[in-house]
Structures are given as C-alpha cells and as structure tokens.
Amino acid sequence: MGQTHEASSNSGRMLSIIVIVYNMQRESPRTLRSLQEEYQEGVSAKDYEVIVIENGSAKPLQENDVCSNGTNFSYYRLNNPPPSPAYAINFGVGKAKGDIVCVMIDGACILTPGVLRMALKAFSAFPNPIVMTRYFFLGPGRQNITIGQGYNQQVEDKLLEKIGWPKDGYRLFEIGVPLPRPNSDITPDEYRVIWFARLFESNCIFFKKETFIRFGGCNEKFDLPGGGFLNLDMFREAARLEDTEVVQLIGEAVFHQVHGGTTTNIPMEEKRLEIERYNKQYKEIRKEDYAVPQKRIYLLGSASSPCAFKNSQC
C-alpha cells in the first residue's frame, strides 16, 4: 500500500498555514508556539506565514498576542460567521500569499518540530502532493473515553509540564496516542504499524493553492458546527483530481488538546450519533456515502522519536 520516497531539499516556495480557532484561549497559544520559527526545525520565517482566523469566538484571542509569535503571523477576527469553519478556511486561503496552503481546521493541535520541513520536502519531491499529517490525542487514550475517566485540561497541563514542552517537541509522543482506525482500539502492535495505515483525514493537510481552488475549496454546504465531514471532504475532493498524489508523513504528527471538540471530546455514544448526522449530510450534499480515497500512498519521513513507534508513556 505505502511506498517510501525521499526528498533532499525544500521547494523554496511560500507556505501559508490557515489556523481556525474557536474559543481556544488555552489551547491555541500552544498551537501557535509550535508554529514559531524557533520551534519548527529546518525552516525560517521567510518560508511560511501563519494566518489565524478567529471564527466567531465568544472569548477571542488578542491580535497582539497572536502576532507576538513572529512577523510572519497575522490575525483576522470574523464576527457572526457561520458555525461551520468552511467559510473561515476559504477566507483564510483568500488571504494567503503562498502557493502552498496548509489547513488546520482545529486550532487546538500542537505540531511536532519537523512537520513544516517535511511537508515542504514533499513539494520538492512530488509534482502535486496532498501532504497529510497523522493525528494523535494527548493523554493516555482516546479522549472520548479518557474524559469520562477523569482526563481534563488540568491533567493535560501537568503532562505537558512533565515533558518540559516545548523544549523538545518530539517528547509529545511520550504522552499521546494515535487516532485509531474507525470503531477500533489501539493495540500495542498498532503503535508500530499505525504510520503505514491509510489516513482518511488530517488536521494539518497541505495542498498547492491552485489545487485547493481547482477542487472547489471548502464546500460551504457543510454548515454544521465543526464542519461535519468537511475535513474528510476536502481530502477526498483533492484526491479525486487525477494529478494529485497522497503523501503521508512518517514520524511527525499533530497532538489534540482537550477542549470540548464537536466529536473528539464527547462521550462515544454521542459521537456515534454525531457521525450518523454528519454522514447523512454528506450524502445529501455529495449524493453518495463517504468513502476513503484509495489512491496509492507515498510515505515520507523518519523515526523522529523512538516513542513514536511505541505505546504511550514511553
């Protein structure tokens, strides 16, 4: 299924990262810290910009706090936007200066230090890649389950303090677990092979800007809070283009902080009902059930941390 592929240098292109935030005063500062030039390895501020879109938050961030992360950070506050992030993402891409865009639909996710460097390598190695970053939960397990067992923001804060984050971003693998396959639990062996499993979405996904425009961008008919299957739909529509290639990063990830997400931080039964609602809307919009694209997968990366291939609490 997967094929390894190496790249030797960055593309030299400009990258625009679109980060959508909604009532994330605790979480988004960490996300933005993980996008700073001082944290991301092998890139400089001239290689990329970070566009933060405040999507109607009751308690918004302050522009000065966002822009203090670097001269390549900018902030836009949307007043009374639709509850879905679709419009906000399209708005952000419209502001993007780069010819490569990264969409982070959930601004509560912390990156490992090599994500941007490896994504740019993919755009050197492939003509028109869709670059996908694997999704991990912070904490001892799937947050839909662990929050019912006492996992919360205070516990999470202590875990991050324990590993001294952000001093070494790869230590995040010591306190997180990967998103499992749908309707499954993670077994010890899956920690080793999870990197080779086919992704169905990514909270840190990269396209050429012209590719994003060509597949239609975010379909704003996905109007449910959180977007429903919007993130999955973006990937599927991009993968349907004949000239795109799916590239999954190895050894790099984003880590989801607990914050009350629409599907990530609700009990499993509530999540099941939400997924049913999302699938119903998807079928109404696309006239078919969602299916994971079955394009050939290319793998790019390395074993950045031994803990990335072992159980949590490494």
C-alpha atoms as a PDB file:
ATOM      1  CA  MET A   1       0.000   0.000   0.000  1.00  0.00           C
ATOM      2  CA  GLY A   2       2.664   2.529   1.009  1.00  0.00           C
ATOM      3  CA  GLN A   3       5.863   3.478  -0.771  1.00  0.00           C
ATOM      4  CA  THR A   4       8.835   5.293   0.740  1.00  0.00           C
ATOM      5  CA  HIS A   5      10.160   8.363  -1.032  1.00  0.00           C
ATOM      6  CA  GLU A   6      12.966  10.690  -0.015  1.00  0.00           C
ATOM      7  CA  ALA A   7      13.373  14.371  -0.726  1.00  0.00           C
ATOM      8  CA  SER A   8      16.622  16.283  -0.458  1.00  0.00           C
ATOM      9  CA  SER A   9      15.634  19.929  -0.132  1.00  0.00           C
ATOM     10  CA  ASN A  10      12.780  22.329   0.441  1.00  0.00           C
ATOM     11  CA  SER A  11      10.895  23.669  -2.542  1.00  0.00           C
ATOM     12  CA  GLY A  12      11.708  27.313  -1.921  1.00  0.00           C
ATOM     13  CA  ARG A  13       8.016  28.072  -2.275  1.00  0.00           C
ATOM     14  CA  MET A  14       5.982  30.138   0.145  1.00  0.00           C
ATOM     15  CA  LEU A  15       3.717  28.219   2.523  1.00  0.00           C
ATOM     16  CA  SER A  16       0.569  29.723   4.050  1.00  0.00           C
ATOM     17  CA  ILE A  17      -0.823  27.979   7.147  1.00  0.00           C
ATOM     18  CA  ILE A  18      -4.503  28.624   7.912  1.00  0.00           C
ATOM     19  CA  VAL A  19      -5.349  28.033  11.590  1.00  0.00           C
ATOM     20  CA  ILE A  20      -9.023  28.140  12.618  1.00  0.00           C
ATOM     21  CA  VAL A  21      -9.693  28.928  16.272  1.00  0.00           C
ATOM     22  CA  TYR A  22     -12.936  28.960  18.215  1.00  0.00           C
ATOM     23  CA  ASN A  23     -12.972  29.614  21.966  1.00  0.00           C
ATOM     24  CA  MET A  24      -9.427  28.271  22.340  1.00  0.00           C
ATOM     25  CA  GLN A  25      -7.759  30.785  24.642  1.00  0.00           C
ATOM     26  CA  ARG A  26      -5.943  27.998  26.489  1.00  0.00           C
ATOM     27  CA  GLU A  27      -5.134  25.716  23.559  1.00  0.00           C
ATOM     28  CA  SER A  28      -4.340  27.920  20.567  1.00  0.00           C
ATOM     29  CA  PRO A  29      -1.315  29.685  22.144  1.00  0.00           C
ATOM     30  CA  ARG A  30       0.398  26.277  22.299  1.00  0.00           C
ATOM     31  CA  THR A  31      -0.591  25.539  18.709  1.00  0.00           C
ATOM     32  CA  LEU A  32       0.892  28.855  17.601  1.00  0.00           C
ATOM     33  CA  ARG A  33       4.004  28.278  19.730  1.00  0.00           C
ATOM     34  CA  SER A  34       4.548  25.047  17.811  1.00  0.00           C
ATOM     35  CA  LEU A  35       4.409  27.030  14.549  1.00  0.00           C
ATOM     36  CA  GLN A  36       7.080  29.532  15.566  1.00  0.00           C
ATOM     37  CA  GLU A  37      10.330  29.684  13.635  1.00  0.00           C
ATOM     38  CA  GLU A  38      12.264  28.855  16.822  1.00  0.00           C
ATOM     39  CA  TYR A  39      10.293  25.616  17.280  1.00  0.00           C
ATOM     40  CA  GLN A  40       9.981  24.323  13.721  1.00  0.00           C
ATOM     41  CA  GLU A  41      13.234  22.779  12.512  1.00  0.00           C
ATOM     42  CA  GLY A  42      14.780  23.414   9.110  1.00  0.00           C
ATOM     43  CA  VAL A  43      12.579  26.347   8.092  1.00  0.00           C
ATOM     44  CA  SER A  44      12.761  30.090   8.526  1.00  0.00           C
ATOM     45  CA  ALA A  45      10.056  32.734   8.849  1.00  0.00           C
ATOM     46  CA  LYS A  46      10.572  33.710   5.211  1.00  0.00           C
ATOM     47  CA  ASP A  47       9.457  30.213   4.149  1.00  0.00           C
ATOM     48  CA  TYR A  48       5.952  30.465   5.591  1.00  0.00           C
ATOM     49  CA  GLU A  49       3.210  32.598   7.080  1.00  0.00           C
ATOM     50  CA  VAL A  50       0.611  31.715   9.715  1.00  0.00           C
ATOM     51  CA  ILE A  51      -2.892  33.117   9.214  1.00  0.00           C
ATOM     52  CA  VAL A  52      -5.059  32.789  12.327  1.00  0.00           C
ATOM     53  CA  ILE A  53      -8.817  33.065  11.780  1.00  0.00           C
ATOM     54  CA  GLU A  54     -10.986  33.670  14.830  1.00  0.00           C
ATOM     55  CA  ASN A  55     -14.276  32.046  13.855  1.00  0.00           C
ATOM     56  CA  GLY A  56     -16.823  33.893  15.994  1.00  0.00           C
ATOM     57  CA  SER A  57     -15.394  33.101  19.424  1.00  0.00           C
ATOM     58  CA  ALA A  58     -17.171  34.488  22.483  1.00  0.00           C
ATOM     59  CA  LYS A  59     -13.733  34.959  24.047  1.00  0.00           C
ATOM     60  CA  PRO A  60     -11.416  35.840  21.172  1.00  0.00           C
ATOM     61  CA  LEU A  61      -7.648  35.963  21.204  1.00  0.00           C
ATOM     62  CA  GLN A  62      -5.896  39.301  21.164  1.00  0.00           C
ATOM     63  CA  GLU A  63      -4.243  40.297  17.887  1.00  0.00           C
ATOM     64  CA  ASN A  64      -1.080  41.408  19.681  1.00  0.00           C
ATOM     65  CA  ASP A  65      -0.762  38.009  21.371  1.00  0.00           C
ATOM     66  CA  VAL A  66      -1.059  36.203  18.030  1.00  0.00           C
ATOM     67  CA  CYS A  67       1.352  38.473  16.187  1.00  0.00           C
ATOM     68  CA  SER A  68       3.906  38.299  19.007  1.00  0.00           C
ATOM     69  CA  ASN A  69       4.698  34.781  17.766  1.00  0.00           C
ATOM     70  CA  GLY A  70       6.564  36.259  14.800  1.00  0.00           C
ATOM     71  CA  THR A  71       6.463  38.774  11.992  1.00  0.00           C
ATOM     72  CA  ASN A  72       5.042  36.027   9.759  1.00  0.00           C
ATOM     73  CA  PHE A  73       1.858  35.700  11.905  1.00  0.00           C
ATOM     74  CA  SER A  74      -1.372  37.549  11.112  1.00  0.00           C
ATOM     75  CA  TYR A  75      -4.803  37.569  12.741  1.00  0.00           C
ATOM     76  CA  TYR A  76      -8.341  38.010  11.423  1.00  0.00           C
ATOM     77  CA  ARG A  77     -11.454  38.037  13.582  1.00  0.00           C
ATOM     78  CA  LEU A  78     -14.749  37.061  11.940  1.00  0.00           C
ATOM     79  CA  ASN A  79     -17.839  38.466  13.613  1.00  0.00           C
ATOM     80  CA  ASN A  80     -21.041  36.396  13.345  1.00  0.00           C
ATOM     81  CA  PRO A  81     -19.641  33.863  10.861  1.00  0.00           C
ATOM     82  CA  PRO A  82     -21.431  30.591  10.018  1.00  0.00           C
ATOM     83  CA  PRO A  83     -20.979  27.898  12.719  1.00  0.00           C
ATOM     84  CA  SER A  84     -19.011  25.716  10.301  1.00  0.00           C
ATOM     85  CA  PRO A  85     -15.334  26.565   9.677  1.00  0.00           C
ATOM     86  CA  ALA A  86     -15.830  26.229   5.892  1.00  0.00           C
ATOM     87  CA  TYR A  87     -16.244  29.949   5.262  1.00  0.00           C
ATOM     88  CA  ALA A  88     -13.328  30.786   7.596  1.00  0.00           C
ATOM     89  CA  ILE A  89     -10.999  28.419   5.747  1.00  0.00           C
ATOM     90  CA  ASN A  90     -11.959  29.851   2.354  1.00  0.00           C
ATOM     91  CA  PHE A  91     -11.479  33.343   3.780  1.00  0.00           C
ATOM     92  CA  GLY A  92      -8.022  32.402   5.053  1.00  0.00           C
ATOM     93  CA  VAL A  93      -6.952  30.870   1.746  1.00  0.00           C
ATOM     94  CA  GLY A  94      -8.116  34.071   0.064  1.00  0.00           C
ATOM     95  CA  LYS A  95      -5.653  35.987   2.247  1.00  0.00           C
ATOM     96  CA  ALA A  96      -2.803  33.539   1.639  1.00  0.00           C
ATOM     97  CA  LYS A  97       0.333  34.819  -0.087  1.00  0.00           C
ATOM     98  CA  GLY A  98       1.832  31.384  -0.582  1.00  0.00           C
ATOM     99  CA  ASP A  99       1.420  28.994  -3.471  1.00  0.00           C
ATOM    100  CA  ILE A 100       1.136  26.148  -0.933  1.00  0.00           C
ATOM    101  CA  VAL A 101      -1.583  26.183   1.735  1.00  0.00           C
ATOM    102  CA  CYS A 102      -1.886  24.176   4.934  1.00  0.00           C
ATOM    103  CA  VAL A 103      -5.334  23.888   6.508  1.00  0.00           C
ATOM    104  CA  MET A 104      -5.615  23.350  10.265  1.00  0.00           C
ATOM    105  CA  ILE A 105      -9.365  23.113  10.808  1.00  0.00           C
ATOM    106  CA  ASP A 106      -8.895  22.644  14.580  1.00  0.00           C
ATOM    107  CA  GLY A 107      -6.596  25.203  16.180  1.00  0.00           C
ATOM    108  CA  ALA A 108      -6.170  23.099  19.324  1.00  0.00           C
ATOM    109  CA  CYS A 109      -3.479  20.824  17.875  1.00  0.00           C
ATOM    110  CA  ILE A 110       0.249  21.033  18.694  1.00  0.00           C
ATOM    111  CA  LEU A 111       2.733  20.122  15.955  1.00  0.00           C
ATOM    112  CA  THR A 112       5.981  18.204  16.217  1.00  0.00           C
ATOM    113  CA  PRO A 113       9.067  20.180  15.124  1.00  0.00           C
ATOM    114  CA  GLY A 114       9.585  18.669  11.670  1.00  0.00           C
ATOM    115  CA  VAL A 115       6.110  18.969  10.150  1.00  0.00           C
ATOM    116  CA  LEU A 116       6.740  22.080   8.042  1.00  0.00           C
ATOM    117  CA  ARG A 117      10.190  20.981   6.885  1.00  0.00           C
ATOM    118  CA  MET A 118       8.953  17.568   5.765  1.00  0.00           C
ATOM    119  CA  ALA A 119       5.845  18.995   4.100  1.00  0.00           C
ATOM    120  CA  LEU A 120       7.997  21.372   2.053  1.00  0.00           C
ATOM    121  CA  LYS A 121      10.242  18.450   1.086  1.00  0.00           C
ATOM    122  CA  ALA A 122       7.182  16.690  -0.298  1.00  0.00           C
ATOM    123  CA  PHE A 123       6.509  19.643  -2.601  1.00  0.00           C
ATOM    124  CA  SER A 124      10.079  19.290  -3.891  1.00  0.00           C
ATOM    125  CA  ALA A 125       9.749  15.555  -4.423  1.00  0.00           C
ATOM    126  CA  PHE A 126       6.270  15.359  -5.974  1.00  0.00           C
ATOM    127  CA  PRO A 127       4.597  17.450  -8.710  1.00  0.00           C
ATOM    128  CA  ASN A 128       1.266  17.929  -6.926  1.00  0.00           C
ATOM    129  CA  PRO A 129       1.109  16.266  -3.491  1.00  0.00           C
ATOM    130  CA  ILE A 130      -1.594  16.194  -0.853  1.00  0.00           C
ATOM    131  CA  VAL A 131       0.514  16.059   2.310  1.00  0.00           C
ATOM    132  CA  MET A 132      -1.169  14.561   5.361  1.00  0.00           C
ATOM    133  CA  THR A 133      -0.012  14.701   8.987  1.00  0.00           C
ATOM    134  CA  ARG A 134      -1.077  11.971  11.391  1.00  0.00           C
ATOM    135  CA  TYR A 135      -3.375  12.833  14.304  1.00  0.00           C
ATOM    136  CA  PHE A 136      -2.650  11.934  17.937  1.00  0.00           C
ATOM    137  CA  PHE A 137      -4.563  12.537  21.154  1.00  0.00           C
ATOM    138  CA  LEU A 138      -2.754  13.956  24.156  1.00  0.00           C
ATOM    139  CA  GLY A 139      -3.291  11.748  27.180  1.00  0.00           C
ATOM    140  CA  PRO A 140      -3.419   8.010  27.835  1.00  0.00           C
ATOM    141  CA  GLY A 141      -6.099   7.139  25.265  1.00  0.00           C
ATOM    142  CA  ARG A 142      -8.913   8.250  23.007  1.00  0.00           C
ATOM    143  CA  GLN A 143     -10.213  11.445  24.595  1.00  0.00           C
ATOM    144  CA  ASN A 144     -13.855  10.450  24.070  1.00  0.00           C
ATOM    145  CA  ILE A 145     -13.133   7.714  26.618  1.00  0.00           C
ATOM    146  CA  THR A 146     -10.493   9.264  28.857  1.00  0.00           C
ATOM    147  CA  ILE A 147     -12.535  12.382  29.683  1.00  0.00           C
ATOM    148  CA  GLY A 148     -15.053  10.048  31.314  1.00  0.00           C
ATOM    149  CA  GLN A 149     -12.200   8.629  33.382  1.00  0.00           C
ATOM    150  CA  GLY A 150     -11.010  11.958  34.755  1.00  0.00           C
ATOM    151  CA  TYR A 151      -8.785  13.264  31.969  1.00  0.00           C
ATOM    152  CA  ASN A 152      -9.173  17.036  31.688  1.00  0.00           C
ATOM    153  CA  GLN A 153      -7.306  20.255  30.941  1.00  0.00           C
ATOM    154  CA  GLN A 154      -5.580  20.289  34.331  1.00  0.00           C
ATOM    155  CA  VAL A 155      -4.267  16.735  33.883  1.00  0.00           C
ATOM    156  CA  GLU A 156      -3.139  17.635  30.371  1.00  0.00           C
ATOM    157  CA  ASP A 157      -1.314  20.735  31.600  1.00  0.00           C
ATOM    158  CA  LYS A 158       0.620  18.569  34.054  1.00  0.00           C
ATOM    159  CA  LEU A 159       1.554  16.090  31.308  1.00  0.00           C
ATOM    160  CA  LEU A 160       2.960  18.872  29.145  1.00  0.00           C
ATOM    161  CA  GLU A 161       4.837  20.242  32.139  1.00  0.00           C
ATOM    162  CA  LYS A 162       6.212  16.773  32.863  1.00  0.00           C
ATOM    163  CA  ILE A 163       7.903  16.520  29.454  1.00  0.00           C
ATOM    164  CA  GLY A 164       9.127  20.108  29.560  1.00  0.00           C
ATOM    165  CA  TRP A 165       7.267  21.064  26.397  1.00  0.00           C
ATOM    166  CA  PRO A 166       8.136  22.987  24.236  1.00  0.00           C
ATOM    167  CA  LYS A 167      11.852  22.333  24.867  1.00  0.00           C
ATOM    168  CA  ASP A 168      11.732  19.050  22.908  1.00  0.00           C
ATOM    169  CA  GLY A 169       8.617  18.758  20.747  1.00  0.00           C
ATOM    170  CA  TYR A 170       9.192  15.095  19.982  1.00  0.00           C
ATOM    171  CA  ARG A 171       8.570  14.211  23.625  1.00  0.00           C
ATOM    172  CA  LEU A 172       4.878  14.713  22.821  1.00  0.00           C
ATOM    173  CA  PHE A 173       4.942  11.095  21.668  1.00  0.00           C
ATOM    174  CA  GLU A 174       5.596  10.105  25.290  1.00  0.00           C
ATOM    175  CA  ILE A 175       2.226  11.468  26.421  1.00  0.00           C
ATOM    176  CA  GLY A 176      -0.050  10.786  23.456  1.00  0.00           C
ATOM    177  CA  VAL A 177      -1.684   8.024  21.441  1.00  0.00           C
ATOM    178  CA  PRO A 178      -2.600   7.920  17.745  1.00  0.00           C
ATOM    179  CA  LEU A 179      -6.141   8.280  16.460  1.00  0.00           C
ATOM    180  CA  PRO A 180      -7.317   4.677  15.993  1.00  0.00           C
ATOM    181  CA  ARG A 181      -8.993   3.238  12.962  1.00  0.00           C
ATOM    182  CA  PRO A 182     -12.753   3.854  12.975  1.00  0.00           C
ATOM    183  CA  ASN A 183     -14.551   1.617  15.509  1.00  0.00           C
ATOM    184  CA  SER A 184     -11.336   0.127  16.840  1.00  0.00           C
ATOM    185  CA  ASP A 185      -8.970   0.395  19.779  1.00  0.00           C
ATOM    186  CA  ILE A 186      -5.205   0.727  19.533  1.00  0.00           C
ATOM    187  CA  THR A 187      -3.294  -2.475  20.241  1.00  0.00           C
ATOM    188  CA  PRO A 188       0.425  -2.447  21.157  1.00  0.00           C
ATOM    189  CA  ASP A 189       1.381  -3.645  17.680  1.00  0.00           C
ATOM    190  CA  GLU A 190      -0.594  -0.833  16.064  1.00  0.00           C
ATOM    191  CA  TYR A 191       1.752   1.749  17.565  1.00  0.00           C
ATOM    192  CA  ARG A 192       4.439   0.363  15.277  1.00  0.00           C
ATOM    193  CA  VAL A 193       2.347  -0.007  12.148  1.00  0.00           C
ATOM    194  CA  ILE A 194      -0.025   2.949  12.564  1.00  0.00           C
ATOM    195  CA  TRP A 195       2.255   5.078  10.378  1.00  0.00           C
ATOM    196  CA  PHE A 196       1.516   2.828   7.414  1.00  0.00           C
ATOM    197  CA  ALA A 197      -2.267   2.863   7.830  1.00  0.00           C
ATOM    198  CA  ARG A 198      -4.252   4.805   5.261  1.00  0.00           C
ATOM    199  CA  LEU A 199      -5.405   8.196   6.570  1.00  0.00           C
ATOM    200  CA  PHE A 200      -8.977   9.352   5.972  1.00  0.00           C
ATOM    201  CA  GLU A 201      -8.428  12.950   7.137  1.00  0.00           C
ATOM    202  CA  SER A 202      -5.765  15.207   8.550  1.00  0.00           C
ATOM    203  CA  ASN A 203      -5.921  18.239  10.802  1.00  0.00           C
ATOM    204  CA  CYS A 204      -2.728  19.521   9.188  1.00  0.00           C
ATOM    205  CA  ILE A 205      -3.138  18.969   5.458  1.00  0.00           C
ATOM    206  CA  PHE A 206      -1.172  20.660   2.667  1.00  0.00           C
ATOM    207  CA  PHE A 207      -2.134  21.397  -0.952  1.00  0.00           C
ATOM    208  CA  LYS A 208      -0.968  23.657  -3.712  1.00  0.00           C
ATOM    209  CA  LYS A 209      -3.162  26.736  -3.524  1.00  0.00           C
ATOM    210  CA  GLU A 210      -4.186  26.291  -7.157  1.00  0.00           C
ATOM    211  CA  THR A 211      -5.167  22.694  -6.381  1.00  0.00           C
ATOM    212  CA  PHE A 212      -7.337  23.864  -3.472  1.00  0.00           C
ATOM    213  CA  ILE A 213      -9.058  26.309  -5.810  1.00  0.00           C
ATOM    214  CA  ARG A 214      -9.376  23.707  -8.562  1.00  0.00           C
ATOM    215  CA  PHE A 215     -11.262  21.179  -6.399  1.00  0.00           C
ATOM    216  CA  GLY A 216     -13.562  23.957  -5.221  1.00  0.00           C
ATOM    217  CA  GLY A 217     -12.080  24.715  -1.808  1.00  0.00           C
ATOM    218  CA  CYS A 218     -14.267  24.143   1.235  1.00  0.00           C
ATOM    219  CA  ASN A 219     -17.841  23.374   0.288  1.00  0.00           C
ATOM    220  CA  GLU A 220     -19.840  25.769   2.468  1.00  0.00           C
ATOM    221  CA  LYS A 221     -22.874  23.486   2.302  1.00  0.00           C
ATOM    222  CA  PHE A 222     -21.128  21.644   5.157  1.00  0.00           C
ATOM    223  CA  ASP A 223     -22.713  24.062   7.595  1.00  0.00           C
ATOM    224  CA  LEU A 224     -22.855  22.049  10.829  1.00  0.00           C
ATOM    225  CA  PRO A 225     -20.867  23.292  13.849  1.00  0.00           C
ATOM    226  CA  GLY A 226     -17.338  21.974  13.464  1.00  0.00           C
ATOM    227  CA  GLY A 227     -17.968  21.279   9.774  1.00  0.00           C
ATOM    228  CA  GLY A 228     -19.228  17.698   9.952  1.00  0.00           C
ATOM    229  CA  PHE A 229     -17.395  15.754   7.242  1.00  0.00           C
ATOM    230  CA  LEU A 230     -15.910  18.947   5.763  1.00  0.00           C
ATOM    231  CA  ASN A 231     -12.327  17.941   6.554  1.00  0.00           C
ATOM    232  CA  LEU A 232     -12.822  14.474   5.062  1.00  0.00           C
ATOM    233  CA  ASP A 233     -14.495  16.007   2.028  1.00  0.00           C
ATOM    234  CA  MET A 234     -11.561  18.344   1.351  1.00  0.00           C
ATOM    235  CA  PHE A 235      -9.194  15.396   1.238  1.00  0.00           C
ATOM    236  CA  ARG A 236     -11.481  13.286  -0.909  1.00  0.00           C
ATOM    237  CA  GLU A 237     -12.111  16.052  -3.450  1.00  0.00           C
ATOM    238  CA  ALA A 238      -8.390  16.765  -3.712  1.00  0.00           C
ATOM    239  CA  ALA A 239      -7.594  13.062  -4.102  1.00  0.00           C
ATOM    240  CA  ARG A 240     -10.149  12.760  -6.890  1.00  0.00           C
ATOM    241  CA  LEU A 241      -8.060  15.042  -9.088  1.00  0.00           C
ATOM    242  CA  GLU A 242      -6.084  12.869 -11.483  1.00  0.00           C
ATOM    243  CA  ASP A 243      -2.755  14.636 -10.996  1.00  0.00           C
ATOM    244  CA  THR A 244      -2.605  14.656  -7.163  1.00  0.00           C
ATOM    245  CA  GLU A 245      -0.510  12.238  -5.100  1.00  0.00           C
ATOM    246  CA  VAL A 246      -1.174  11.338  -1.460  1.00  0.00           C
ATOM    247  CA  VAL A 247       1.873  11.725   0.778  1.00  0.00           C
ATOM    248  CA  GLN A 248       1.697  10.702   4.448  1.00  0.00           C
ATOM    249  CA  LEU A 249       4.370  11.987   6.826  1.00  0.00           C
ATOM    250  CA  ILE A 250       6.205   9.462   8.993  1.00  0.00           C
ATOM    251  CA  GLY A 251       7.453  10.368  12.464  1.00  0.00           C
ATOM    252  CA  GLU A 252       5.690  13.753  12.574  1.00  0.00           C
ATOM    253  CA  ALA A 253       2.231  14.416  13.986  1.00  0.00           C
ATOM    254  CA  VAL A 254      -0.232  16.858  15.491  1.00  0.00           C
ATOM    255  CA  PHE A 255      -1.461  16.352  19.066  1.00  0.00           C
ATOM    256  CA  HIS A 256      -5.016  17.247  20.001  1.00  0.00           C
ATOM    257  CA  GLN A 257      -5.544  19.123  23.259  1.00  0.00           C
ATOM    258  CA  VAL A 258      -8.756  18.515  25.170  1.00  0.00           C
ATOM    259  CA  HIS A 259     -11.071  21.490  24.652  1.00  0.00           C
ATOM    260  CA  GLY A 260     -14.638  20.282  24.114  1.00  0.00           C
ATOM    261  CA  GLY A 261     -14.364  19.432  20.413  1.00  0.00           C
ATOM    262  CA  THR A 262     -17.522  18.552  18.494  1.00  0.00           C
ATOM    263  CA  THR A 263     -16.570  14.873  18.121  1.00  0.00           C
ATOM    264  CA  THR A 264     -13.217  14.472  19.869  1.00  0.00           C
ATOM    265  CA  ASN A 265     -14.329  15.391  23.386  1.00  0.00           C
ATOM    266  CA  ILE A 266     -17.830  13.964  23.740  1.00  0.00           C
ATOM    267  CA  PRO A 267     -18.861  10.503  25.023  1.00  0.00           C
ATOM    268  CA  MET A 268     -18.688   7.684  22.474  1.00  0.00           C
ATOM    269  CA  GLU A 269     -22.462   7.261  22.144  1.00  0.00           C
ATOM    270  CA  GLU A 270     -22.911  10.970  21.467  1.00  0.00           C
ATOM    271  CA  LYS A 271     -20.065  10.785  18.954  1.00  0.00           C
ATOM    272  CA  ARG A 272     -21.779   7.882  17.161  1.00  0.00           C
ATOM    273  CA  LEU A 273     -24.958   9.934  16.806  1.00  0.00           C
ATOM    274  CA  GLU A 274     -22.987  12.933  15.540  1.00  0.00           C
ATOM    275  CA  ILE A 275     -21.191  10.793  12.953  1.00  0.00           C
ATOM    276  CA  GLU A 276     -24.539   9.496  11.741  1.00  0.00           C
ATOM    277  CA  ARG A 277     -25.704  13.089  11.335  1.00  0.00           C
ATOM    278  CA  TYR A 278     -22.521  14.025   9.512  1.00  0.00           C
ATOM    279  CA  ASN A 279     -22.807  11.067   7.140  1.00  0.00           C
ATOM    280  CA  LYS A 280     -26.428  11.947   6.401  1.00  0.00           C
ATOM    281  CA  GLN A 281     -25.450  15.487   5.486  1.00  0.00           C
ATOM    282  CA  TYR A 282     -22.533  14.246   3.381  1.00  0.00           C
ATOM    283  CA  LYS A 283     -24.874  12.008   1.398  1.00  0.00           C
ATOM    284  CA  GLU A 284     -27.294  14.875   0.885  1.00  0.00           C
ATOM    285  CA  ILE A 285     -24.505  17.079  -0.484  1.00  0.00           C
ATOM    286  CA  ARG A 286     -22.459  14.569  -2.475  1.00  0.00           C
ATOM    287  CA  LYS A 287     -25.270  12.091  -3.329  1.00  0.00           C
ATOM    288  CA  GLU A 288     -23.195   9.173  -2.046  1.00  0.00           C
ATOM    289  CA  ASP A 289     -21.735   7.842   1.205  1.00  0.00           C
ATOM    290  CA  TYR A 290     -18.275   8.953   2.176  1.00  0.00           C
ATOM    291  CA  ALA A 291     -15.500   6.521   1.247  1.00  0.00           C
ATOM    292  CA  VAL A 292     -11.786   6.847   1.961  1.00  0.00           C
ATOM    293  CA  PRO A 293      -9.827   7.586  -1.247  1.00  0.00           C
ATOM    294  CA  GLN A 294      -7.895   4.539  -2.383  1.00  0.00           C
ATOM    295  CA  LYS A 295      -5.094   6.298  -4.236  1.00  0.00           C
ATOM    296  CA  ARG A 296      -1.551   5.000  -3.973  1.00  0.00           C
ATOM    297  CA  ILE A 297       0.129   6.267  -0.778  1.00  0.00           C
ATOM    298  CA  TYR A 298       3.675   7.592  -0.592  1.00  0.00           C
ATOM    299  CA  LEU A 299       5.433   7.722   2.779  1.00  0.00           C
ATOM    300  CA  LEU A 300       7.933  10.435   3.642  1.00  0.00           C
ATOM    301  CA  GLY A 301       9.833  10.864   6.898  1.00  0.00           C
ATOM    302  CA  SER A 302      11.858   9.062   9.537  1.00  0.00           C
ATOM    303  CA  ALA A 303      11.717   7.698  13.082  1.00  0.00           C
ATOM    304  CA  SER A 304      11.941  11.148  14.669  1.00  0.00           C
ATOM    305  CA  SER A 305      11.461   9.686  18.149  1.00  0.00           C
ATOM    306  CA  PRO A 306      11.549   6.058  19.368  1.00  0.00           C
ATOM    307  CA  CYS A 307       8.376   6.826  21.320  1.00  0.00           C
ATOM    308  CA  ALA A 308       6.537   7.492  18.060  1.00  0.00           C
ATOM    309  CA  PHE A 309       6.624   3.760  17.395  1.00  0.00           C
ATOM    310  CA  LYS A 310       5.832   2.507  20.902  1.00  0.00           C
ATOM    311  CA  ASN A 311       2.953   2.646  23.334  1.00  0.00           C
ATOM    312  CA  SER A 312       2.235   5.947  25.122  1.00  0.00           C
ATOM    313  CA  GLN A 313       4.037   6.718  28.389  1.00  0.00           C
ATOM    314  CA  CYS A 314       7.261   5.638  26.626  1.00  0.00           C
END
